[in-house]
Amino acid sequence: MSEQKIHPSHKTRTAFDASTYDIFCEQCGCTDQVPGGLGKLVDPCPAAETRKGHTKITIECEMKDRWVPQFLALLQRMQFMGNMGSSRTLGFYADGDGDFRPKFTVDGKNIKDMETANPVYDDDCRSKNAICDVFYDAG
């Protein structure tokens, strides 16, 4: 039986404060399995260098502190669903007449100046089981 090795695309460090793993990747969060081997650390890191047909972007966002947990939860769920291969409609309520007024830059550019996808409206939303005003289909 061959010895398992951590894939070189992972940026790992030892975790001294965890009881269920010893090593984790700082880029993607994959861990070894104690006991049981290296788990997904033997596979290429999903957060490593971009692959052909992929683009790596850096998004900066400024928003009121009270909205940050909800916004990050949406991003976490998007990543989770993609990693699990699961298709769902996710929602985010943006109280624009209240104090939800985020400001975004993408790779240093104002997001208003960037090419984006067209949203799906009304009847198309209902056909996707989306209960929302505007729907962006990433499927």
C-alpha atoms as a PDB file:
ATOM      1  CA  MET A   1       0.000   0.000   0.000  1.00  0.00           C
ATOM      2  CA  SER A   2       1.391   3.402  -0.978  1.00  0.00           C
ATOM      3  CA  GLU A   3       1.936   6.110   1.593  1.00  0.00           C
ATOM      4  CA  GLN A   4      -0.519   9.023   1.429  1.00  0.00           C
ATOM      5  CA  LYS A   5       0.971  12.442   0.734  1.00  0.00           C
ATOM      6  CA  ILE A   6      -0.500  15.909   0.981  1.00  0.00           C
ATOM      7  CA  HIS A   7      -1.071  17.348  -2.486  1.00  0.00           C
ATOM      8  CA  PRO A   8       1.474  20.147  -3.065  1.00  0.00           C
ATOM      9  CA  SER A   9      -1.242  22.685  -3.981  1.00  0.00           C
ATOM     10  CA  HIS A  10      -2.388  22.841  -0.333  1.00  0.00           C
ATOM     11  CA  LYS A  11      -0.907  25.477   1.987  1.00  0.00           C
ATOM     12  CA  THR A  12      -0.968  23.537   5.245  1.00  0.00           C
ATOM     13  CA  ARG A  13      -0.099  24.170   8.836  1.00  0.00           C
ATOM     14  CA  THR A  14      -0.358  22.190  12.026  1.00  0.00           C
ATOM     15  CA  ALA A  15      -3.388  22.895  14.195  1.00  0.00           C
ATOM     16  CA  PHE A  16      -2.489  22.677  17.856  1.00  0.00           C
ATOM     17  CA  ASP A  17      -5.950  23.708  19.066  1.00  0.00           C
ATOM     18  CA  ALA A  18      -8.109  21.060  17.365  1.00  0.00           C
ATOM     19  CA  SER A  19      -9.063  17.627  18.641  1.00  0.00           C
ATOM     20  CA  THR A  20     -10.397  16.072  15.422  1.00  0.00           C
ATOM     21  CA  TYR A  21      -7.549  16.984  13.064  1.00  0.00           C
ATOM     22  CA  ASP A  22      -3.842  17.864  13.135  1.00  0.00           C
ATOM     23  CA  ILE A  23      -3.262  19.499   9.756  1.00  0.00           C
ATOM     24  CA  PHE A  24      -5.395  21.916   7.782  1.00  0.00           C
ATOM     25  CA  CYS A  25      -5.103  23.885   4.552  1.00  0.00           C
ATOM     26  CA  GLU A  26      -5.157  27.650   5.086  1.00  0.00           C
ATOM     27  CA  GLN A  27      -6.542  28.164   1.566  1.00  0.00           C
ATOM     28  CA  CYS A  28      -9.539  25.803   1.449  1.00  0.00           C
ATOM     29  CA  GLY A  29     -10.015  24.559   5.021  1.00  0.00           C
ATOM     30  CA  CYS A  30      -9.588  20.846   4.224  1.00  0.00           C
ATOM     31  CA  THR A  31      -8.233  18.812   7.121  1.00  0.00           C
ATOM     32  CA  ASP A  32      -6.712  15.451   7.793  1.00  0.00           C
ATOM     33  CA  GLN A  33      -8.801  12.877   9.641  1.00  0.00           C
ATOM     34  CA  VAL A  34      -7.655  11.714  13.067  1.00  0.00           C
ATOM     35  CA  PRO A  35      -7.579   8.783  13.041  1.00  0.00           C
ATOM     36  CA  GLY A  36      -7.867   7.876   9.404  1.00  0.00           C
ATOM     37  CA  GLY A  37      -5.351   9.548   7.149  1.00  0.00           C
ATOM     38  CA  LEU A  38      -5.098  12.724   5.137  1.00  0.00           C
ATOM     39  CA  GLY A  39      -8.686  12.941   3.870  1.00  0.00           C
ATOM     40  CA  LYS A  40      -9.151  15.478   1.063  1.00  0.00           C
ATOM     41  CA  LEU A  41      -5.634  16.842   1.572  1.00  0.00           C
ATOM     42  CA  VAL A  42      -4.431  14.182  -0.895  1.00  0.00           C
ATOM     43  CA  ASP A  43      -6.535  15.830  -3.644  1.00  0.00           C
ATOM     44  CA  PRO A  44      -5.664  19.147  -5.340  1.00  0.00           C
ATOM     45  CA  CYS A  45      -6.613  22.212  -3.298  1.00  0.00           C
ATOM     46  CA  PRO A  46      -9.841  23.701  -4.692  1.00  0.00           C
ATOM     47  CA  ALA A  47      -8.681  27.183  -3.646  1.00  0.00           C
ATOM     48  CA  ALA A  48      -5.238  26.949  -5.254  1.00  0.00           C
ATOM     49  CA  GLU A  49      -4.192  28.521  -8.527  1.00  0.00           C
ATOM     50  CA  THR A  50      -7.050  29.011 -10.924  1.00  0.00           C
ATOM     51  CA  ARG A  51      -7.597  26.415 -13.594  1.00  0.00           C
ATOM     52  CA  LYS A  52      -8.145  27.027 -17.304  1.00  0.00           C
ATOM     53  CA  GLY A  53     -11.562  28.590 -17.790  1.00  0.00           C
ATOM     54  CA  HIS A  54     -11.634  30.004 -14.246  1.00  0.00           C
ATOM     55  CA  THR A  55     -11.012  33.544 -13.061  1.00  0.00           C
ATOM     56  CA  LYS A  56      -9.782  34.559  -9.648  1.00  0.00           C
ATOM     57  CA  ILE A  57     -11.223  37.875  -8.443  1.00  0.00           C
ATOM     58  CA  THR A  58     -10.720  39.906  -5.282  1.00  0.00           C
ATOM     59  CA  ILE A  59     -13.844  41.595  -3.959  1.00  0.00           C
ATOM     60  CA  GLU A  60     -13.702  44.391  -1.400  1.00  0.00           C
ATOM     61  CA  CYS A  61     -16.884  45.401   0.342  1.00  0.00           C
ATOM     62  CA  GLU A  62     -17.780  48.169   2.760  1.00  0.00           C
ATOM     63  CA  MET A  63     -21.041  47.845   4.689  1.00  0.00           C
ATOM     64  CA  LYS A  64     -22.457  48.478   8.142  1.00  0.00           C
ATOM     65  CA  ASP A  65     -21.217  46.014  10.748  1.00  0.00           C
ATOM     66  CA  ARG A  66     -24.689  44.626  11.440  1.00  0.00           C
ATOM     67  CA  TRP A  67     -25.014  43.291   7.860  1.00  0.00           C
ATOM     68  CA  VAL A  68     -21.656  41.521   7.715  1.00  0.00           C
ATOM     69  CA  PRO A  69     -22.740  38.219   9.386  1.00  0.00           C
ATOM     70  CA  GLN A  70     -25.701  37.789   7.001  1.00  0.00           C
ATOM     71  CA  PHE A  71     -23.638  38.640   3.937  1.00  0.00           C
ATOM     72  CA  LEU A  72     -20.826  36.266   4.920  1.00  0.00           C
ATOM     73  CA  ALA A  73     -23.386  33.544   5.655  1.00  0.00           C
ATOM     74  CA  LEU A  74     -24.693  33.903   2.096  1.00  0.00           C
ATOM     75  CA  LEU A  75     -21.171  33.573   0.685  1.00  0.00           C
ATOM     76  CA  GLN A  76     -20.458  30.566   2.919  1.00  0.00           C
ATOM     77  CA  ARG A  77     -23.659  28.870   1.780  1.00  0.00           C
ATOM     78  CA  MET A  78     -22.858  29.536  -1.890  1.00  0.00           C
ATOM     79  CA  GLN A  79     -19.451  27.902  -1.428  1.00  0.00           C
ATOM     80  CA  PHE A  80     -20.924  24.999   0.552  1.00  0.00           C
ATOM     81  CA  MET A  81     -23.567  24.278  -2.095  1.00  0.00           C
ATOM     82  CA  GLY A  82     -20.948  24.349  -4.854  1.00  0.00           C
ATOM     83  CA  ASN A  83     -18.608  22.028  -2.938  1.00  0.00           C
ATOM     84  CA  MET A  84     -21.460  19.604  -2.222  1.00  0.00           C
ATOM     85  CA  GLY A  85     -22.755  19.692  -5.794  1.00  0.00           C
ATOM     86  CA  SER A  86     -26.191  20.730  -4.575  1.00  0.00           C
ATOM     87  CA  SER A  87     -28.622  22.998  -6.442  1.00  0.00           C
ATOM     88  CA  ARG A  88     -30.741  25.379  -4.360  1.00  0.00           C
ATOM     89  CA  THR A  89     -32.155  28.866  -4.549  1.00  0.00           C
ATOM     90  CA  LEU A  90     -30.547  31.133  -1.974  1.00  0.00           C
ATOM     91  CA  GLY A  91     -32.069  34.385  -0.823  1.00  0.00           C
ATOM     92  CA  PHE A  92     -30.742  37.607   0.624  1.00  0.00           C
ATOM     93  CA  TYR A  93     -32.964  40.473   1.709  1.00  0.00           C
ATOM     94  CA  ALA A  94     -31.388  43.836   0.892  1.00  0.00           C
ATOM     95  CA  ASP A  95     -33.087  46.634   2.861  1.00  0.00           C
ATOM     96  CA  GLY A  96     -32.051  49.435   0.506  1.00  0.00           C
ATOM     97  CA  ASP A  97     -34.457  51.970   1.973  1.00  0.00           C
ATOM     98  CA  GLY A  98     -32.960  51.123   5.353  1.00  0.00           C
ATOM     99  CA  ASP A  99     -29.244  51.001   6.038  1.00  0.00           C
ATOM    100  CA  PHE A 100     -28.108  48.195   3.708  1.00  0.00           C
ATOM    101  CA  ARG A 101     -25.939  50.226   1.338  1.00  0.00           C
ATOM    102  CA  PRO A 102     -22.877  48.122   0.490  1.00  0.00           C
ATOM    103  CA  LYS A 103     -20.057  49.477  -1.651  1.00  0.00           C
ATOM    104  CA  PHE A 104     -18.106  46.952  -3.745  1.00  0.00           C
ATOM    105  CA  THR A 105     -14.904  47.022  -5.738  1.00  0.00           C
ATOM    106  CA  VAL A 106     -13.694  44.043  -7.754  1.00  0.00           C
ATOM    107  CA  ASP A 107      -9.978  43.858  -8.421  1.00  0.00           C
ATOM    108  CA  GLY A 108      -9.851  47.575  -7.617  1.00  0.00           C
ATOM    109  CA  LYS A 109     -12.609  48.557 -10.069  1.00  0.00           C
ATOM    110  CA  ASN A 110     -15.995  49.997  -9.171  1.00  0.00           C
ATOM    111  CA  ILE A 111     -18.539  47.198  -9.603  1.00  0.00           C
ATOM    112  CA  LYS A 112     -20.818  49.536 -11.602  1.00  0.00           C
ATOM    113  CA  ASP A 113     -18.189  49.587 -14.349  1.00  0.00           C
ATOM    114  CA  MET A 114     -18.005  45.808 -14.721  1.00  0.00           C
ATOM    115  CA  GLU A 115     -19.725  43.436 -17.124  1.00  0.00           C
ATOM    116  CA  THR A 116     -22.343  41.383 -15.258  1.00  0.00           C
ATOM    117  CA  ALA A 117     -25.036  38.809 -15.997  1.00  0.00           C
ATOM    118  CA  ASN A 118     -28.584  39.820 -16.766  1.00  0.00           C
ATOM    119  CA  PRO A 119     -31.119  38.951 -14.072  1.00  0.00           C
ATOM    120  CA  VAL A 120     -34.173  36.775 -14.599  1.00  0.00           C
ATOM    121  CA  TYR A 121     -37.500  38.414 -13.685  1.00  0.00           C
ATOM    122  CA  ASP A 122     -41.082  37.513 -12.772  1.00  0.00           C
ATOM    123  CA  ASP A 123     -42.397  34.428 -14.609  1.00  0.00           C
ATOM    124  CA  ASP A 124     -38.888  33.047 -15.124  1.00  0.00           C
ATOM    125  CA  CYS A 125     -38.277  33.367 -11.366  1.00  0.00           C
ATOM    126  CA  ARG A 126     -41.406  31.342 -10.600  1.00  0.00           C
ATOM    127  CA  SER A 127     -40.364  28.622 -13.044  1.00  0.00           C
ATOM    128  CA  LYS A 128     -37.124  28.276 -11.039  1.00  0.00           C
ATOM    129  CA  ASN A 129     -39.097  28.158  -7.757  1.00  0.00           C
ATOM    130  CA  ALA A 130     -37.477  31.423  -6.771  1.00  0.00           C
ATOM    131  CA  ILE A 131     -39.508  33.712  -4.568  1.00  0.00           C
ATOM    132  CA  CYS A 132     -37.719  36.961  -5.209  1.00  0.00           C
ATOM    133  CA  ASP A 133     -37.781  40.205  -7.167  1.00  0.00           C
ATOM    134  CA  VAL A 134     -34.583  39.561  -9.113  1.00  0.00           C
ATOM    135  CA  PHE A 135     -32.981  36.185  -9.752  1.00  0.00           C
ATOM    136  CA  TYR A 136     -29.496  35.365 -11.059  1.00  0.00           C
ATOM    137  CA  ASP A 137     -29.211  31.827 -12.381  1.00  0.00           C
ATOM    138  CA  ALA A 138     -25.737  30.325 -11.906  1.00  0.00           C
ATOM    139  CA  GLY A 139     -26.946  26.884 -12.974  1.00  0.00           C
END
